[in-house]
Amino acid sequence: MLRTGILTKLLIVTLLAALICKVYALREQVSDAEEEKARVAALVESKRQENDALAADIEGGCTPEKMQEIARRELGWLLPGEYVFDVGS
């Protein structure tokens, strides 16, 4: 039967403690990486939807309705007889 000294047992316990600490640190890194992956995946999906909407606009061509929508949104264009009321905060 093998007999181990107190220093050998202490070394083994110390190594096990170090390994346990390393495993917990790696678990935290994996968790952080998964959160980052989810955040980036949501951003990619958002950009994909934006690109799909832009592609649909391009395929639809330049219709008078689209031109009017852009003029209203970008330039504040109004049709005759329309009024804008600026409600301040």
PDB file of N, CA and C in Angstrom:
ATOM      1  N   MET A   1       0.826  -1.168   0.000  1.00  0.00           N
ATOM      2  CA  MET A   1       0.000   0.000   0.000  1.00  0.00           C
ATOM      3  C   MET A   1       0.882   1.246   0.000  1.00  0.00           C
ATOM      4  N   LEU A   2       0.499   2.207  -0.864  1.00  0.00           N
ATOM      5  CA  LEU A   2       1.281   3.435  -0.980  1.00  0.00           C
ATOM      6  C   LEU A   2       0.929   4.386   0.149  1.00  0.00           C
ATOM      7  N   ARG A   3       1.932   4.992   0.679  1.00  0.00           N
ATOM      8  CA  ARG A   3       1.713   5.995   1.716  1.00  0.00           C
ATOM      9  C   ARG A   3       2.121   7.340   1.140  1.00  0.00           C
ATOM     10  N   THR A   4       1.220   8.296   1.264  1.00  0.00           N
ATOM     11  CA  THR A   4       1.534   9.629   0.755  1.00  0.00           C
ATOM     12  C   THR A   4       1.760  10.554   1.934  1.00  0.00           C
ATOM     13  N   GLY A   5       2.676  11.435   1.701  1.00  0.00           N
ATOM     14  CA  GLY A   5       2.994  12.389   2.753  1.00  0.00           C
ATOM     15  C   GLY A   5       2.006  13.544   2.773  1.00  0.00           C
ATOM     16  N   ILE A   6       2.067  14.310   3.805  1.00  0.00           N
ATOM     17  CA  ILE A   6       1.193  15.461   3.986  1.00  0.00           C
ATOM     18  C   ILE A   6       1.403  16.498   2.876  1.00  0.00           C
ATOM     19  N   LEU A   7       2.649  16.667   2.407  1.00  0.00           N
ATOM     20  CA  LEU A   7       2.923  17.632   1.332  1.00  0.00           C
ATOM     21  C   LEU A   7       2.278  17.199   0.021  1.00  0.00           C
ATOM     22  N   THR A   8       2.291  15.904  -0.247  1.00  0.00           N
ATOM     23  CA  THR A   8       1.662  15.401  -1.471  1.00  0.00           C
ATOM     24  C   THR A   8       0.162  15.640  -1.425  1.00  0.00           C
ATOM     25  N   LYS A   9      -0.458  15.349  -0.273  1.00  0.00           N
ATOM     26  CA  LYS A   9      -1.898  15.573  -0.135  1.00  0.00           C
ATOM     27  C   LYS A   9      -2.237  17.056  -0.251  1.00  0.00           C
ATOM     28  N   LEU A  10      -1.423  17.890   0.340  1.00  0.00           N
ATOM     29  CA  LEU A  10      -1.629  19.335   0.260  1.00  0.00           C
ATOM     30  C   LEU A  10      -1.496  19.834  -1.177  1.00  0.00           C
ATOM     31  N   LEU A  11      -0.531  19.292  -1.901  1.00  0.00           N
ATOM     32  CA  LEU A  11      -0.344  19.656  -3.308  1.00  0.00           C
ATOM     33  C   LEU A  11      -1.553  19.253  -4.135  1.00  0.00           C
ATOM     34  N   ILE A  12      -2.073  18.064  -3.909  1.00  0.00           N
ATOM     35  CA  ILE A  12      -3.246  17.588  -4.651  1.00  0.00           C
ATOM     36  C   ILE A  12      -4.459  18.458  -4.346  1.00  0.00           C
ATOM     37  N   VAL A  13      -4.675  18.785  -3.092  1.00  0.00           N
ATOM     38  CA  VAL A  13      -5.801  19.636  -2.705  1.00  0.00           C
ATOM     39  C   VAL A  13      -5.655  21.025  -3.327  1.00  0.00           C
ATOM     40  N   THR A  14      -4.461  21.558  -3.327  1.00  0.00           N
ATOM     41  CA  THR A  14      -4.208  22.874  -3.917  1.00  0.00           C
ATOM     42  C   THR A  14      -4.473  22.852  -5.420  1.00  0.00           C
ATOM     43  N   LEU A  15      -4.019  21.807  -6.093  1.00  0.00           N
ATOM     44  CA  LEU A  15      -4.264  21.689  -7.535  1.00  0.00           C
ATOM     45  C   LEU A  15      -5.753  21.546  -7.840  1.00  0.00           C
ATOM     46  N   LEU A  16      -6.456  20.767  -7.029  1.00  0.00           N
ATOM     47  CA  LEU A  16      -7.906  20.639  -7.225  1.00  0.00           C
ATOM     48  C   LEU A  16      -8.619  21.965  -7.022  1.00  0.00           C
ATOM     49  N   ALA A  17      -8.212  22.703  -6.003  1.00  0.00           N
ATOM     50  CA  ALA A  17      -8.818  24.015  -5.758  1.00  0.00           C
ATOM     51  C   ALA A  17      -8.559  24.962  -6.924  1.00  0.00           C
ATOM     52  N   ALA A  18      -7.338  24.916  -7.458  1.00  0.00           N
ATOM     53  CA  ALA A  18      -7.007  25.769  -8.602  1.00  0.00           C
ATOM     54  C   ALA A  18      -7.831  25.379  -9.822  1.00  0.00           C
ATOM     55  N   LEU A  19      -8.010  24.094 -10.043  1.00  0.00           N
ATOM     56  CA  LEU A  19      -8.815  23.624 -11.176  1.00  0.00           C
ATOM     57  C   LEU A  19     -10.277  24.039 -11.023  1.00  0.00           C
ATOM     58  N   ILE A  20     -10.796  23.957  -9.818  1.00  0.00           N
ATOM     59  CA  ILE A  20     -12.182  24.358  -9.578  1.00  0.00           C
ATOM     60  C   ILE A  20     -12.350  25.849  -9.853  1.00  0.00           C
ATOM     61  N   CYS A  21     -11.403  26.655  -9.391  1.00  0.00           N
ATOM     62  CA  CYS A  21     -11.460  28.102  -9.658  1.00  0.00           C
ATOM     63  C   CYS A  21     -11.418  28.376 -11.160  1.00  0.00           C
ATOM     64  N   LYS A  22     -10.578  27.657 -11.860  1.00  0.00           N
ATOM     65  CA  LYS A  22     -10.455  27.847 -13.310  1.00  0.00           C
ATOM     66  C   LYS A  22     -11.748  27.457 -14.021  1.00  0.00           C
ATOM     67  N   VAL A  23     -12.380  26.372 -13.587  1.00  0.00           N
ATOM     68  CA  VAL A  23     -13.639  25.924 -14.195  1.00  0.00           C
ATOM     69  C   VAL A  23     -14.717  26.987 -13.998  1.00  0.00           C
ATOM     70  N   TYR A  24     -14.824  27.549 -12.803  1.00  0.00           N
ATOM     71  CA  TYR A  24     -15.823  28.589 -12.568  1.00  0.00           C
ATOM     72  C   TYR A  24     -15.530  29.838 -13.399  1.00  0.00           C
ATOM     73  N   ALA A  25     -14.277  30.193 -13.552  1.00  0.00           N
ATOM     74  CA  ALA A  25     -13.916  31.349 -14.374  1.00  0.00           C
ATOM     75  C   ALA A  25     -14.281  31.091 -15.841  1.00  0.00           C
ATOM     76  N   LEU A  26     -14.039  29.875 -16.302  1.00  0.00           N
ATOM     77  CA  LEU A  26     -14.388  29.531 -17.681  1.00  0.00           C
ATOM     78  C   LEU A  26     -15.896  29.504 -17.885  1.00  0.00           C
ATOM     79  N   ARG A  27     -16.645  29.049 -16.883  1.00  0.00           N
ATOM     80  CA  ARG A  27     -18.105  29.065 -16.980  1.00  0.00           C
ATOM     81  C   ARG A  27     -18.617  30.495 -17.136  1.00  0.00           C
ATOM     82  N   GLU A  28     -18.028  31.406 -16.392  1.00  0.00           N
ATOM     83  CA  GLU A  28     -18.432  32.807 -16.479  1.00  0.00           C
ATOM     84  C   GLU A  28     -18.097  33.378 -17.860  1.00  0.00           C
ATOM     85  N   GLN A  29     -16.954  33.023 -18.390  1.00  0.00           N
ATOM     86  CA  GLN A  29     -16.581  33.489 -19.730  1.00  0.00           C
ATOM     87  C   GLN A  29     -17.531  32.934 -20.778  1.00  0.00           C
ATOM     88  N   VAL A  30     -17.923  31.679 -20.639  1.00  0.00           N
ATOM     89  CA  VAL A  30     -18.868  31.071 -21.578  1.00  0.00           C
ATOM     90  C   VAL A  30     -20.219  31.781 -21.487  1.00  0.00           C
ATOM     91  N   SER A  31     -20.658  32.063 -20.280  1.00  0.00           N
ATOM     92  CA  SER A  31     -21.927  32.764 -20.091  1.00  0.00           C
ATOM     93  C   SER A  31     -21.883  34.151 -20.731  1.00  0.00           C
ATOM     94  N   ASP A  32     -20.795  34.878 -20.519  1.00  0.00           N
ATOM     95  CA  ASP A  32     -20.644  36.200 -21.133  1.00  0.00           C
ATOM     96  C   ASP A  32     -20.630  36.106 -22.654  1.00  0.00           C
ATOM     97  N   ALA A  33     -19.942  35.083 -23.163  1.00  0.00           N
ATOM     98  CA  ALA A  33     -19.869  34.903 -24.620  1.00  0.00           C
ATOM     99  C   ALA A  33     -21.239  34.566 -25.196  1.00  0.00           C
ATOM    100  N   GLU A  34     -22.038  33.779 -24.474  1.00  0.00           N
ATOM    101  CA  GLU A  34     -23.382  33.448 -24.949  1.00  0.00           C
ATOM    102  C   GLU A  34     -24.279  34.681 -24.966  1.00  0.00           C
ATOM    103  N   GLU A  35     -24.148  35.531 -23.955  1.00  0.00           N
ATOM    104  CA  GLU A  35     -24.920  36.780 -23.937  1.00  0.00           C
ATOM    105  C   GLU A  35     -24.517  37.678 -25.101  1.00  0.00           C
ATOM    106  N   GLU A  36     -23.231  37.771 -25.364  1.00  0.00           N
ATOM    107  CA  GLU A  36     -22.743  38.583 -26.488  1.00  0.00           C
ATOM    108  C   GLU A  36     -23.231  38.007 -27.809  1.00  0.00           C
ATOM    109  N   LYS A  37     -23.231  36.687 -27.919  1.00  0.00           N
ATOM    110  CA  LYS A  37     -23.710  36.025 -29.134  1.00  0.00           C
ATOM    111  C   LYS A  37     -25.184  36.341 -29.364  1.00  0.00           C
ATOM    112  N   ALA A  38     -25.993  36.304 -28.305  1.00  0.00           N
ATOM    113  CA  ALA A  38     -27.418  36.614 -28.427  1.00  0.00           C
ATOM    114  C   ALA A  38     -27.619  38.072 -28.827  1.00  0.00           C
ATOM    115  N   ARG A  39     -26.823  38.971 -28.240  1.00  0.00           N
ATOM    116  CA  ARG A  39     -26.934  40.393 -28.582  1.00  0.00           C
ATOM    117  C   ARG A  39     -26.585  40.626 -30.053  1.00  0.00           C
ATOM    118  N   VAL A  40     -25.511  40.004 -30.504  1.00  0.00           N
ATOM    119  CA  VAL A  40     -25.083  40.175 -31.895  1.00  0.00           C
ATOM    120  C   VAL A  40     -26.078  39.527 -32.845  1.00  0.00           C
ATOM    121  N   ALA A  41     -26.634  38.376 -32.474  1.00  0.00           N
ATOM    122  CA  ALA A  41     -27.628  37.716 -33.322  1.00  0.00           C
ATOM    123  C   ALA A  41     -28.867  38.595 -33.477  1.00  0.00           C
ATOM    124  N   ALA A  42     -29.293  39.251 -32.402  1.00  0.00           N
ATOM    125  CA  ALA A  42     -30.442  40.156 -32.487  1.00  0.00           C
ATOM    126  C   ALA A  42     -30.126  41.353 -33.385  1.00  0.00           C
ATOM    127  N   LEU A  43     -28.913  41.866 -33.281  1.00  0.00           N
ATOM    128  CA  LEU A  43     -28.500  42.982 -34.134  1.00  0.00           C
ATOM    129  C   LEU A  43     -28.462  42.567 -35.600  1.00  0.00           C
ATOM    130  N   VAL A  44     -27.936  41.378 -35.862  1.00  0.00           N
ATOM    131  CA  VAL A  44     -27.876  40.865 -37.237  1.00  0.00           C
ATOM    132  C   VAL A  44     -29.285  40.695 -37.796  1.00  0.00           C
ATOM    133  N   GLU A  45     -30.201  40.161 -36.983  1.00  0.00           N
ATOM    134  CA  GLU A  45     -31.579  39.973 -37.437  1.00  0.00           C
ATOM    135  C   GLU A  45     -32.233  41.319 -37.733  1.00  0.00           C
ATOM    136  N   SER A  46     -31.983  42.309 -36.898  1.00  0.00           N
ATOM    137  CA  SER A  46     -32.526  43.637 -37.118  1.00  0.00           C
ATOM    138  C   SER A  46     -32.020  44.223 -38.435  1.00  0.00           C
ATOM    139  N   LYS A  47     -30.724  44.089 -38.676  1.00  0.00           N
ATOM    140  CA  LYS A  47     -30.149  44.607 -39.916  1.00  0.00           C
ATOM    141  C   LYS A  47     -30.651  43.831 -41.130  1.00  0.00           C
ATOM    142  N   ARG A  48     -30.885  42.524 -40.960  1.00  0.00           N
ATOM    143  CA  ARG A  48     -31.407  41.727 -42.070  1.00  0.00           C
ATOM    144  C   ARG A  48     -32.808  42.203 -42.443  1.00  0.00           C
ATOM    145  N   GLN A  49     -33.633  42.473 -41.427  1.00  0.00           N
ATOM    146  CA  GLN A  49     -34.983  42.970 -41.697  1.00  0.00           C
ATOM    147  C   GLN A  49     -34.931  44.339 -42.365  1.00  0.00           C
ATOM    148  N   GLU A  50     -34.021  45.179 -41.904  1.00  0.00           N
ATOM    149  CA  GLU A  50     -33.856  46.498 -42.517  1.00  0.00           C
ATOM    150  C   GLU A  50     -33.432  46.362 -43.980  1.00  0.00           C
ATOM    151  N   ASN A  51     -32.499  45.458 -44.244  1.00  0.00           N
ATOM    152  CA  ASN A  51     -32.046  45.224 -45.624  1.00  0.00           C
ATOM    153  C   ASN A  51     -33.172  44.670 -46.493  1.00  0.00           C
ATOM    154  N   ASP A  52     -33.980  43.761 -45.928  1.00  0.00           N
ATOM    155  CA  ASP A  52     -35.113  43.224 -46.685  1.00  0.00           C
ATOM    156  C   ASP A  52     -36.106  44.323 -47.041  1.00  0.00           C
ATOM    157  N   ALA A  53     -36.354  45.237 -46.094  1.00  0.00           N
ATOM    158  CA  ALA A  53     -37.275  46.343 -46.368  1.00  0.00           C
ATOM    159  C   ALA A  53     -36.719  47.255 -47.450  1.00  0.00           C
ATOM    160  N   LEU A  54     -35.419  47.530 -47.387  1.00  0.00           N
ATOM    161  CA  LEU A  54     -34.805  48.370 -48.418  1.00  0.00           C
ATOM    162  C   LEU A  54     -34.826  47.687 -49.776  1.00  0.00           C
ATOM    163  N   ALA A  55     -34.582  46.379 -49.792  1.00  0.00           N
ATOM    164  CA  ALA A  55     -34.622  45.637 -51.061  1.00  0.00           C
ATOM    165  C   ALA A  55     -36.030  45.667 -51.650  1.00  0.00           C
ATOM    166  N   ALA A  56     -37.042  45.551 -50.793  1.00  0.00           N
ATOM    167  CA  ALA A  56     -38.428  45.617 -51.272  1.00  0.00           C
ATOM    168  C   ALA A  56     -38.726  47.000 -51.837  1.00  0.00           C
ATOM    169  N   ASP A  57     -38.211  48.045 -51.199  1.00  0.00           N
ATOM    170  CA  ASP A  57     -38.397  49.400 -51.725  1.00  0.00           C
ATOM    171  C   ASP A  57     -37.740  49.550 -53.089  1.00  0.00           C
ATOM    172  N   ILE A  58     -36.556  48.982 -53.228  1.00  0.00           N
ATOM    173  CA  ILE A  58     -35.845  49.068 -54.508  1.00  0.00           C
ATOM    174  C   ILE A  58     -36.607  48.322 -55.586  1.00  0.00           C
ATOM    175  N   GLU A  59     -37.118  47.138 -55.257  1.00  0.00           N
ATOM    176  CA  GLU A  59     -37.868  46.349 -56.234  1.00  0.00           C
ATOM    177  C   GLU A  59     -39.154  47.056 -56.637  1.00  0.00           C
ATOM    178  N   GLY A  60     -39.765  47.767 -55.678  1.00  0.00           N
ATOM    179  CA  GLY A  60     -41.014  48.472 -55.970  1.00  0.00           C
ATOM    180  C   GLY A  60     -40.826  49.653 -56.890  1.00  0.00           C
ATOM    181  N   GLY A  61     -39.610  50.105 -57.013  1.00  0.00           N
ATOM    182  CA  GLY A  61     -39.344  51.244 -57.880  1.00  0.00           C
ATOM    183  C   GLY A  61     -39.756  52.552 -57.233  1.00  0.00           C
ATOM    184  N   CYS A  62     -39.661  53.585 -58.011  1.00  0.00           N
ATOM    185  CA  CYS A  62     -39.960  54.929 -57.525  1.00  0.00           C
ATOM    186  C   CYS A  62     -41.396  55.268 -57.901  1.00  0.00           C
ATOM    187  N   THR A  63     -42.321  54.961 -57.025  1.00  0.00           N
ATOM    188  CA  THR A  63     -43.729  55.252 -57.275  1.00  0.00           C
ATOM    189  C   THR A  63     -44.051  56.651 -56.757  1.00  0.00           C
ATOM    190  N   PRO A  64     -45.097  57.249 -57.263  1.00  0.00           N
ATOM    191  CA  PRO A  64     -45.495  58.569 -56.764  1.00  0.00           C
ATOM    192  C   PRO A  64     -45.801  58.551 -55.261  1.00  0.00           C
ATOM    193  N   GLU A  65     -46.391  57.457 -54.786  1.00  0.00           N
ATOM    194  CA  GLU A  65     -46.692  57.352 -53.361  1.00  0.00           C
ATOM    195  C   GLU A  65     -45.407  57.329 -52.531  1.00  0.00           C
ATOM    196  N   LYS A  66     -44.409  56.618 -53.019  1.00  0.00           N
ATOM    197  CA  LYS A  66     -43.136  56.536 -52.310  1.00  0.00           C
ATOM    198  C   LYS A  66     -42.450  57.899 -52.305  1.00  0.00           C
ATOM    199  N   MET A  67     -42.486  58.587 -53.442  1.00  0.00           N
ATOM    200  CA  MET A  67     -41.894  59.926 -53.524  1.00  0.00           C
ATOM    201  C   MET A  67     -42.588  60.882 -52.553  1.00  0.00           C
ATOM    202  N   GLN A  68     -43.928  60.791 -52.490  1.00  0.00           N
ATOM    203  CA  GLN A  68     -44.680  61.660 -51.592  1.00  0.00           C
ATOM    204  C   GLN A  68     -44.342  61.339 -50.135  1.00  0.00           C
ATOM    205  N   GLU A  69     -44.239  60.070 -49.802  1.00  0.00           N
ATOM    206  CA  GLU A  69     -43.894  59.668 -48.435  1.00  0.00           C
ATOM    207  C   GLU A  69     -42.518  60.209 -48.046  1.00  0.00           C
ATOM    208  N   ILE A  70     -41.554  60.089 -48.951  1.00  0.00           N
ATOM    209  CA  ILE A  70     -40.198  60.580 -48.674  1.00  0.00           C
ATOM    210  C   ILE A  70     -40.205  62.097 -48.530  1.00  0.00           C
ATOM    211  N   ALA A  71     -40.928  62.785 -49.413  1.00  0.00           N
ATOM    212  CA  ALA A  71     -40.986  64.252 -49.350  1.00  0.00           C
ATOM    213  C   ALA A  71     -41.628  64.715 -48.044  1.00  0.00           C
ATOM    214  N   ARG A  72     -42.645  64.011 -47.601  1.00  0.00           N
ATOM    215  CA  ARG A  72     -43.291  64.373 -46.339  1.00  0.00           C
ATOM    216  C   ARG A  72     -42.346  64.146 -45.155  1.00  0.00           C
ATOM    217  N   ARG A  73     -41.714  62.983 -45.149  1.00  0.00           N
ATOM    218  CA  ARG A  73     -40.864  62.621 -44.016  1.00  0.00           C
ATOM    219  C   ARG A  73     -39.574  63.434 -43.992  1.00  0.00           C
ATOM    220  N   GLU A  74     -38.906  63.548 -45.123  1.00  0.00           N
ATOM    221  CA  GLU A  74     -37.583  64.169 -45.171  1.00  0.00           C
ATOM    222  C   GLU A  74     -37.637  65.695 -45.289  1.00  0.00           C
ATOM    223  N   LEU A  75     -38.629  66.192 -46.037  1.00  0.00           N
ATOM    224  CA  LEU A  75     -38.655  67.615 -46.344  1.00  0.00           C
ATOM    225  C   LEU A  75     -39.805  68.365 -45.675  1.00  0.00           C
ATOM    226  N   GLY A  76     -40.708  67.637 -45.012  1.00  0.00           N
ATOM    227  CA  GLY A  76     -41.846  68.290 -44.382  1.00  0.00           C
ATOM    228  C   GLY A  76     -42.854  68.801 -45.393  1.00  0.00           C
ATOM    229  N   TRP A  77     -42.925  68.177 -46.546  1.00  0.00           N
ATOM    230  CA  TRP A  77     -43.798  68.596 -47.640  1.00  0.00           C
ATOM    231  C   TRP A  77     -45.257  68.394 -47.265  1.00  0.00           C
ATOM    232  N   LEU A  78     -46.112  69.357 -47.637  1.00  0.00           N
ATOM    233  CA  LEU A  78     -47.547  69.286 -47.363  1.00  0.00           C
ATOM    234  C   LEU A  78     -48.322  69.402 -48.663  1.00  0.00           C
ATOM    235  N   LEU A  79     -49.482  68.789 -48.693  1.00  0.00           N
ATOM    236  CA  LEU A  79     -50.390  68.940 -49.823  1.00  0.00           C
ATOM    237  C   LEU A  79     -51.175  70.232 -49.649  1.00  0.00           C
ATOM    238  N   PRO A  80     -51.677  70.791 -50.724  1.00  0.00           N
ATOM    239  CA  PRO A  80     -52.494  72.003 -50.597  1.00  0.00           C
ATOM    240  C   PRO A  80     -53.679  71.742 -49.661  1.00  0.00           C
ATOM    241  N   GLY A  81     -53.896  72.677 -48.750  1.00  0.00           N
ATOM    242  CA  GLY A  81     -55.006  72.560 -47.799  1.00  0.00           C
ATOM    243  C   GLY A  81     -54.631  71.845 -46.513  1.00  0.00           C
ATOM    244  N   GLU A  82     -53.414  71.317 -46.423  1.00  0.00           N
ATOM    245  CA  GLU A  82     -52.990  70.647 -45.195  1.00  0.00           C
ATOM    246  C   GLU A  82     -52.308  71.660 -44.282  1.00  0.00           C
ATOM    247  N   TYR A  83     -52.437  71.442 -42.992  1.00  0.00           N
ATOM    248  CA  TYR A  83     -51.815  72.305 -42.013  1.00  0.00           C
ATOM    249  C   TYR A  83     -51.016  71.459 -41.040  1.00  0.00           C
ATOM    250  N   VAL A  84     -49.945  72.056 -40.523  1.00  0.00           N
ATOM    251  CA  VAL A  84     -49.128  71.397 -39.512  1.00  0.00           C
ATOM    252  C   VAL A  84     -49.239  72.194 -38.239  1.00  0.00           C
ATOM    253  N   PHE A  85     -49.535  71.501 -37.168  1.00  0.00           N
ATOM    254  CA  PHE A  85     -49.595  72.135 -35.851  1.00  0.00           C
ATOM    255  C   PHE A  85     -48.445  71.592 -35.025  1.00  0.00           C
ATOM    256  N   ASP A  86     -47.579  72.482 -34.623  1.00  0.00           N
ATOM    257  CA  ASP A  86     -46.422  72.089 -33.802  1.00  0.00           C
ATOM    258  C   ASP A  86     -46.821  72.214 -32.349  1.00  0.00           C
ATOM    259  N   VAL A  87     -46.941  71.077 -31.707  1.00  0.00           N
ATOM    260  CA  VAL A  87     -47.318  71.049 -30.300  1.00  0.00           C
ATOM    261  C   VAL A  87     -46.034  70.940 -29.498  1.00  0.00           C
ATOM    262  N   GLY A  88     -45.642  72.054 -28.896  1.00  0.00           N
ATOM    263  CA  GLY A  88     -44.399  72.076 -28.117  1.00  0.00           C
ATOM    264  C   GLY A  88     -44.550  71.311 -26.818  1.00  0.00           C
ATOM    265  N   SER A  89     -43.420  70.934 -26.270  1.00  0.00           N
ATOM    266  CA  SER A  89     -43.471  70.190 -25.005  1.00  0.00           C
ATOM    267  C   SER A  89     -43.376  71.102 -23.812  1.00  0.00           C
TER     268      SER A  89
END
